[in-house]
Amino acid sequence: MKHVPQRTCVGCREVLSKRQLVRIVRTAEGVRVDPTGKLAGRGAYLHDKRSCWARGLKGSLAHALKTDLTNDDRVRLEEFMNSLPEAETEG
């Protein structure tokens, strides 16, 4: 059985496989979304739900990345958050 990397969403603290979460990375240029999951830098993970992103932007994301979010970082992340679905739909 192959090992599946597990990560914790910093918004809701739920543990899921790494591929089910969106990686945010702190680089020398600032904080950005890492769709490939391969950028160098300190990373944190969030669900692809606005509720988790809203909680993350309140402080848990900055804490996980061990940095303060600049206004540019916050605008960039909020733009990505606004493209996400409002809530998870259950089928």
N, C-alpha and C. Protein backbone atom coordinates (compact mmCIF):
# COMPACT_ATOMS: atom_id res chain seq x y z
N MET A 1 0.85 -1.19 0.00
CA MET A 1 0.00 0.00 0.00
C MET A 1 0.88 1.24 0.00
N LYS A 2 0.60 2.17 -0.92
CA LYS A 2 1.41 3.36 -1.07
C LYS A 2 1.06 4.40 -0.01
N HIS A 3 2.08 5.06 0.52
CA HIS A 3 1.90 6.12 1.51
C HIS A 3 1.31 7.36 0.84
N VAL A 4 0.25 7.92 1.42
CA VAL A 4 -0.37 9.14 0.91
C VAL A 4 -0.07 10.27 1.89
N PRO A 5 0.66 11.32 1.43
CA PRO A 5 0.98 12.43 2.34
C PRO A 5 -0.28 13.11 2.86
N GLN A 6 -0.31 13.38 4.16
CA GLN A 6 -1.44 14.03 4.81
C GLN A 6 -1.05 15.45 5.21
N ARG A 7 -1.99 16.38 5.07
CA ARG A 7 -1.77 17.77 5.47
C ARG A 7 -3.01 18.27 6.20
N THR A 8 -2.83 19.30 7.02
CA THR A 8 -3.92 19.88 7.79
C THR A 8 -4.32 21.23 7.21
N CYS A 9 -5.61 21.44 7.01
CA CYS A 9 -6.13 22.73 6.57
C CYS A 9 -5.98 23.71 7.73
N VAL A 10 -5.30 24.84 7.50
CA VAL A 10 -5.10 25.80 8.59
C VAL A 10 -6.38 26.58 8.90
N GLY A 11 -7.40 26.46 8.04
CA GLY A 11 -8.68 27.13 8.30
C GLY A 11 -9.54 26.35 9.27
N CYS A 12 -9.73 25.04 9.01
CA CYS A 12 -10.65 24.25 9.83
C CYS A 12 -9.96 23.12 10.61
N ARG A 13 -8.67 22.93 10.38
CA ARG A 13 -7.85 21.92 11.08
C ARG A 13 -8.18 20.49 10.68
N GLU A 14 -8.89 20.27 9.58
CA GLU A 14 -9.20 18.92 9.11
C GLU A 14 -7.98 18.36 8.38
N VAL A 15 -7.66 17.10 8.64
CA VAL A 15 -6.53 16.43 8.00
C VAL A 15 -7.02 15.67 6.78
N LEU A 16 -6.40 15.97 5.63
CA LEU A 16 -6.75 15.32 4.36
C LEU A 16 -5.49 15.00 3.59
N SER A 17 -5.65 14.28 2.48
CA SER A 17 -4.49 14.03 1.64
C SER A 17 -4.03 15.35 1.02
N LYS A 18 -2.74 15.45 0.80
CA LYS A 18 -2.12 16.66 0.29
C LYS A 18 -2.79 17.16 -1.00
N ARG A 19 -3.18 16.25 -1.87
CA ARG A 19 -3.76 16.60 -3.18
C ARG A 19 -5.15 17.23 -3.07
N GLN A 20 -5.84 17.05 -1.94
CA GLN A 20 -7.19 17.60 -1.77
C GLN A 20 -7.17 19.05 -1.28
N LEU A 21 -6.00 19.57 -0.95
CA LEU A 21 -5.89 20.91 -0.40
C LEU A 21 -5.11 21.83 -1.34
N VAL A 22 -5.28 23.14 -1.17
CA VAL A 22 -4.57 24.14 -1.96
C VAL A 22 -3.38 24.61 -1.14
N ARG A 23 -2.18 24.62 -1.75
CA ARG A 23 -0.98 25.03 -1.04
C ARG A 23 -0.75 26.53 -1.23
N ILE A 24 -0.43 27.19 -0.14
CA ILE A 24 -0.02 28.59 -0.16
C ILE A 24 1.42 28.60 0.32
N VAL A 25 2.28 29.33 -0.38
CA VAL A 25 3.70 29.29 -0.06
C VAL A 25 4.24 30.69 0.19
N ARG A 26 5.16 30.79 1.16
CA ARG A 26 5.86 32.04 1.44
C ARG A 26 7.19 31.98 0.70
N THR A 27 7.39 32.90 -0.24
CA THR A 27 8.64 32.98 -0.97
C THR A 27 9.28 34.33 -0.68
N ALA A 28 10.45 34.58 -1.25
CA ALA A 28 11.12 35.87 -1.07
C ALA A 28 10.29 37.00 -1.69
N GLU A 29 9.49 36.68 -2.71
CA GLU A 29 8.67 37.69 -3.38
C GLU A 29 7.34 37.94 -2.67
N GLY A 30 7.00 37.12 -1.70
CA GLY A 30 5.75 37.29 -0.98
C GLY A 30 5.00 35.98 -0.86
N VAL A 31 3.76 36.07 -0.40
CA VAL A 31 2.92 34.89 -0.21
C VAL A 31 2.06 34.71 -1.45
N ARG A 32 2.00 33.48 -1.97
CA ARG A 32 1.22 33.22 -3.18
C ARG A 32 0.65 31.82 -3.18
N VAL A 33 -0.36 31.62 -4.01
CA VAL A 33 -0.97 30.30 -4.18
C VAL A 33 -0.02 29.47 -5.04
N ASP A 34 0.18 28.21 -4.65
CA ASP A 34 1.07 27.30 -5.37
C ASP A 34 0.25 26.14 -5.95
N PRO A 35 -0.28 26.30 -7.17
CA PRO A 35 -1.13 25.25 -7.74
C PRO A 35 -0.39 23.93 -7.99
N THR A 36 0.93 23.99 -8.23
CA THR A 36 1.69 22.77 -8.49
C THR A 36 2.10 22.06 -7.21
N GLY A 37 2.18 22.81 -6.10
CA GLY A 37 2.62 22.23 -4.84
C GLY A 37 4.12 22.00 -4.80
N LYS A 38 4.86 22.62 -5.71
CA LYS A 38 6.30 22.35 -5.80
C LYS A 38 7.19 23.58 -5.62
N LEU A 39 6.61 24.76 -5.42
CA LEU A 39 7.44 25.95 -5.24
C LEU A 39 8.25 25.82 -3.95
N ALA A 40 9.47 26.36 -3.98
CA ALA A 40 10.32 26.35 -2.80
C ALA A 40 9.81 27.41 -1.82
N GLY A 41 9.84 27.09 -0.56
CA GLY A 41 9.41 28.03 0.47
C GLY A 41 8.54 27.34 1.49
N ARG A 42 8.24 28.07 2.57
CA ARG A 42 7.40 27.51 3.62
C ARG A 42 5.96 27.47 3.15
N GLY A 43 5.32 26.34 3.30
CA GLY A 43 3.96 26.17 2.80
C GLY A 43 2.94 25.93 3.89
N ALA A 44 1.69 26.24 3.55
CA ALA A 44 0.54 25.94 4.40
C ALA A 44 -0.58 25.52 3.47
N TYR A 45 -1.58 24.84 4.00
CA TYR A 45 -2.63 24.27 3.16
C TYR A 45 -4.01 24.71 3.63
N LEU A 46 -4.91 24.93 2.63
CA LEU A 46 -6.30 25.29 2.89
C LEU A 46 -7.21 24.50 1.96
N HIS A 47 -8.45 24.23 2.43
CA HIS A 47 -9.47 23.66 1.56
C HIS A 47 -9.77 24.64 0.43
N ASP A 48 -10.45 24.18 -0.60
CA ASP A 48 -10.88 25.09 -1.66
C ASP A 48 -12.29 25.61 -1.37
N LYS A 49 -12.50 26.05 -0.12
CA LYS A 49 -13.78 26.62 0.32
C LYS A 49 -13.53 28.01 0.89
N ARG A 50 -14.43 28.93 0.59
CA ARG A 50 -14.27 30.30 1.10
C ARG A 50 -14.23 30.37 2.62
N SER A 51 -15.01 29.52 3.28
CA SER A 51 -15.05 29.58 4.75
C SER A 51 -13.67 29.30 5.35
N CYS A 52 -12.95 28.34 4.80
CA CYS A 52 -11.60 28.04 5.30
C CYS A 52 -10.64 29.18 4.97
N TRP A 53 -10.76 29.75 3.77
CA TRP A 53 -9.89 30.85 3.38
C TRP A 53 -10.14 32.07 4.26
N ALA A 54 -11.42 32.35 4.56
CA ALA A 54 -11.74 33.51 5.41
C ALA A 54 -11.11 33.33 6.79
N ARG A 55 -11.22 32.13 7.36
CA ARG A 55 -10.60 31.87 8.66
C ARG A 55 -9.09 31.96 8.57
N GLY A 56 -8.53 31.43 7.49
CA GLY A 56 -7.08 31.47 7.31
C GLY A 56 -6.55 32.89 7.21
N LEU A 57 -7.27 33.74 6.48
CA LEU A 57 -6.82 35.12 6.31
C LEU A 57 -6.96 35.94 7.59
N LYS A 58 -7.75 35.46 8.55
CA LYS A 58 -7.88 36.17 9.83
C LYS A 58 -6.63 36.02 10.69
N GLY A 59 -5.76 35.07 10.38
CA GLY A 59 -4.54 34.97 11.18
C GLY A 59 -3.87 33.62 11.18
N SER A 60 -4.63 32.54 11.02
CA SER A 60 -4.01 31.22 11.11
C SER A 60 -3.05 30.96 9.95
N LEU A 61 -3.31 31.54 8.78
CA LEU A 61 -2.43 31.36 7.63
C LEU A 61 -1.09 32.06 7.88
N ALA A 62 -1.14 33.30 8.35
CA ALA A 62 0.08 34.04 8.65
C ALA A 62 0.89 33.32 9.73
N HIS A 63 0.21 32.78 10.72
CA HIS A 63 0.89 32.05 11.79
C HIS A 63 1.57 30.80 11.24
N ALA A 64 0.88 30.06 10.38
CA ALA A 64 1.43 28.83 9.81
C ALA A 64 2.63 29.13 8.91
N LEU A 65 2.60 30.26 8.22
CA LEU A 65 3.70 30.63 7.32
C LEU A 65 4.80 31.38 8.06
N LYS A 66 4.59 31.67 9.33
CA LYS A 66 5.55 32.38 10.17
C LYS A 66 5.95 33.72 9.55
N THR A 67 4.94 34.49 9.14
CA THR A 67 5.16 35.80 8.55
C THR A 67 3.92 36.65 8.73
N ASP A 68 4.06 37.95 8.49
CA ASP A 68 2.91 38.84 8.46
C ASP A 68 2.50 39.01 7.01
N LEU A 69 1.20 38.94 6.73
CA LEU A 69 0.72 39.13 5.36
C LEU A 69 0.72 40.61 5.02
N THR A 70 1.36 40.98 3.92
CA THR A 70 1.33 42.37 3.47
C THR A 70 -0.01 42.63 2.79
N ASN A 71 -0.29 43.90 2.51
CA ASN A 71 -1.54 44.23 1.81
C ASN A 71 -1.57 43.57 0.44
N ASP A 72 -0.43 43.55 -0.27
CA ASP A 72 -0.37 42.91 -1.59
C ASP A 72 -0.66 41.41 -1.48
N ASP A 73 -0.07 40.76 -0.46
CA ASP A 73 -0.33 39.33 -0.24
C ASP A 73 -1.81 39.09 -0.01
N ARG A 74 -2.39 39.92 0.86
CA ARG A 74 -3.80 39.76 1.23
C ARG A 74 -4.70 39.95 0.01
N VAL A 75 -4.42 40.96 -0.83
CA VAL A 75 -5.22 41.20 -2.03
C VAL A 75 -5.11 40.01 -2.98
N ARG A 76 -3.90 39.51 -3.19
CA ARG A 76 -3.69 38.36 -4.09
C ARG A 76 -4.45 37.14 -3.60
N LEU A 77 -4.40 36.87 -2.30
CA LEU A 77 -5.09 35.70 -1.74
C LEU A 77 -6.61 35.89 -1.75
N GLU A 78 -7.08 37.11 -1.50
CA GLU A 78 -8.53 37.37 -1.53
C GLU A 78 -9.09 37.23 -2.94
N GLU A 79 -8.30 37.61 -3.96
CA GLU A 79 -8.74 37.42 -5.34
C GLU A 79 -8.93 35.94 -5.64
N PHE A 80 -7.99 35.11 -5.17
CA PHE A 80 -8.12 33.67 -5.37
C PHE A 80 -9.32 33.15 -4.59
N MET A 81 -9.49 33.62 -3.35
CA MET A 81 -10.60 33.18 -2.51
C MET A 81 -11.94 33.50 -3.18
N ASN A 82 -12.05 34.66 -3.82
CA ASN A 82 -13.31 35.06 -4.45
C ASN A 82 -13.67 34.20 -5.66
N SER A 83 -12.70 33.45 -6.19
CA SER A 83 -12.99 32.56 -7.31
C SER A 83 -13.47 31.19 -6.82
N LEU A 84 -13.45 30.98 -5.52
CA LEU A 84 -13.84 29.68 -4.94
C LEU A 84 -15.35 29.62 -4.71
N PRO A 85 -15.90 28.40 -4.61
CA PRO A 85 -17.33 28.26 -4.32
C PRO A 85 -17.66 28.76 -2.91
N GLU A 86 -18.89 29.23 -2.73
CA GLU A 86 -19.34 29.74 -1.43
C GLU A 86 -19.28 28.66 -0.36
N ALA A 87 -19.84 27.51 -0.66
CA ALA A 87 -19.88 26.41 0.30
C ALA A 87 -19.82 25.09 -0.46
N GLU A 88 -19.44 24.07 0.26
CA GLU A 88 -19.37 22.75 -0.35
C GLU A 88 -20.78 22.22 -0.58
N THR A 89 -21.05 21.76 -1.79
CA THR A 89 -22.36 21.18 -2.08
C THR A 89 -22.32 19.69 -1.84
N GLU A 90 -23.32 19.21 -1.15
CA GLU A 90 -23.36 17.78 -0.85
C GLU A 90 -24.33 17.11 -1.80
N GLY A 91 -23.86 16.01 -2.45
CA GLY A 91 -24.67 15.37 -3.47
C GLY A 91 -25.36 14.19 -2.97
